[in-house]
Amino acid sequence: MDNRVQNLAALSGLTNLTYVDLRYNLVDWFGPGPALTVIQTLQGRGVNVDYNPQSAGAIFLVAPERLTGTRFRLRSTARPARF
């Protein structure tokens, strides 16, 4: 928990796991992808996996763009959870 884990591939080979706590890390488990595949594989073997919530990714605010008068457009970019 909270140790900045990003890649779960090594967990697949740990056949004696019964529980793993992945909360507050940097695991990108949204949608199909390698992390979700590992989580589902572990769960399929009966491993209890806690993986939600994750640490928030960094959000960067890009310089505002003035539209008219007091109206601005703010653009932001975010680093995905898989830093």
Protein backbone atom coordinates (compact mmCIF):
# COMPACT_ATOMS: atom_id res chain seq x y z
CA MET A 1 0.00 0.00 0.00
CA ASP A 2 1.22 3.48 -0.94
CA ASN A 3 4.58 2.48 -2.38
CA ARG A 4 4.20 3.88 -5.94
CA VAL A 5 3.77 0.49 -7.66
CA GLN A 6 3.01 0.83 -11.37
CA ASN A 7 3.73 -2.55 -12.94
CA LEU A 8 2.03 -5.65 -11.56
CA ALA A 9 3.62 -8.24 -13.87
CA ALA A 10 5.83 -9.72 -11.13
CA LEU A 11 2.79 -10.58 -9.03
CA SER A 12 1.55 -13.08 -11.62
CA GLY A 13 4.36 -15.47 -10.76
CA LEU A 14 3.72 -15.45 -7.01
CA THR A 15 1.60 -18.58 -6.76
CA ASN A 16 1.27 -18.64 -2.95
CA LEU A 17 -0.30 -15.19 -2.62
CA THR A 18 -3.56 -15.02 -0.70
CA TYR A 19 -3.84 -11.24 -0.32
CA VAL A 20 -2.26 -8.19 -1.94
CA ASP A 21 -2.93 -4.54 -1.07
CA LEU A 22 -2.36 -2.27 -4.07
CA ARG A 23 -4.32 0.74 -2.82
CA TYR A 24 -2.81 4.23 -3.07
CA ASN A 25 -0.27 3.31 -5.71
CA LEU A 26 0.04 4.32 -9.36
CA VAL A 27 -1.70 1.33 -10.93
CA ASP A 28 -3.70 2.11 -14.07
CA TRP A 29 -6.50 -0.44 -13.77
CA PHE A 30 -9.16 1.46 -15.75
CA GLY A 31 -10.26 -0.33 -18.87
CA PRO A 32 -8.55 -3.27 -20.49
CA GLY A 33 -4.83 -3.32 -19.93
CA PRO A 34 -1.97 -5.21 -18.33
CA ALA A 35 -2.69 -4.16 -14.74
CA LEU A 36 -6.35 -5.19 -14.89
CA THR A 37 -5.34 -8.49 -16.50
CA VAL A 38 -2.98 -9.25 -13.61
CA ILE A 39 -5.62 -8.24 -11.04
CA GLN A 40 -8.22 -10.48 -12.68
CA THR A 41 -5.73 -13.37 -12.95
CA LEU A 42 -4.92 -13.09 -9.25
CA GLN A 43 -8.59 -12.90 -8.32
CA GLY A 44 -9.25 -15.93 -10.51
CA ARG A 45 -6.73 -17.86 -8.38
CA GLY A 46 -8.59 -16.83 -5.24
CA VAL A 47 -6.26 -14.00 -4.21
CA ASN A 48 -7.98 -11.12 -2.40
CA VAL A 49 -6.81 -7.95 -4.17
CA ASP A 50 -7.46 -4.45 -2.82
CA TYR A 51 -6.70 -1.96 -5.62
CA ASN A 52 -9.11 0.94 -5.24
CA PRO A 53 -8.49 3.84 -4.67
CA GLN A 54 -5.22 4.75 -6.37
CA SER A 55 -3.09 7.85 -5.84
CA ALA A 56 -4.11 10.75 -8.04
CA GLY A 57 -2.01 11.51 -11.08
CA ALA A 58 -0.40 14.89 -11.43
CA ILE A 59 -2.54 17.54 -13.10
CA PHE A 60 -0.87 20.47 -14.83
CA LEU A 61 -2.68 23.70 -15.62
CA VAL A 62 -1.61 25.23 -18.91
CA ALA A 63 -1.56 29.03 -19.33
CA PRO A 64 -5.08 30.48 -19.55
CA GLU A 65 -6.35 31.79 -22.86
CA ARG A 66 -8.43 34.99 -22.74
CA LEU A 67 -11.61 34.61 -24.76
CA THR A 68 -13.44 37.90 -24.17
CA GLY A 69 -13.61 40.33 -21.26
CA THR A 70 -13.52 38.21 -18.13
CA ARG A 71 -13.92 34.87 -19.92
CA PHE A 72 -10.94 32.54 -20.06
CA ARG A 73 -10.31 29.05 -21.29
CA LEU A 74 -8.22 26.92 -18.97
CA ARG A 75 -6.58 23.84 -20.40
CA SER A 76 -5.15 21.14 -18.26
CA THR A 77 -3.15 18.05 -18.89
CA ALA A 78 -2.75 15.11 -16.58
CA ARG A 79 -0.14 12.46 -16.26
CA PRO A 80 -1.87 9.09 -16.39
CA ALA A 81 -1.78 6.79 -13.39
CA ARG A 82 0.88 4.68 -15.05
CA PHE A 83 3.60 7.39 -14.66
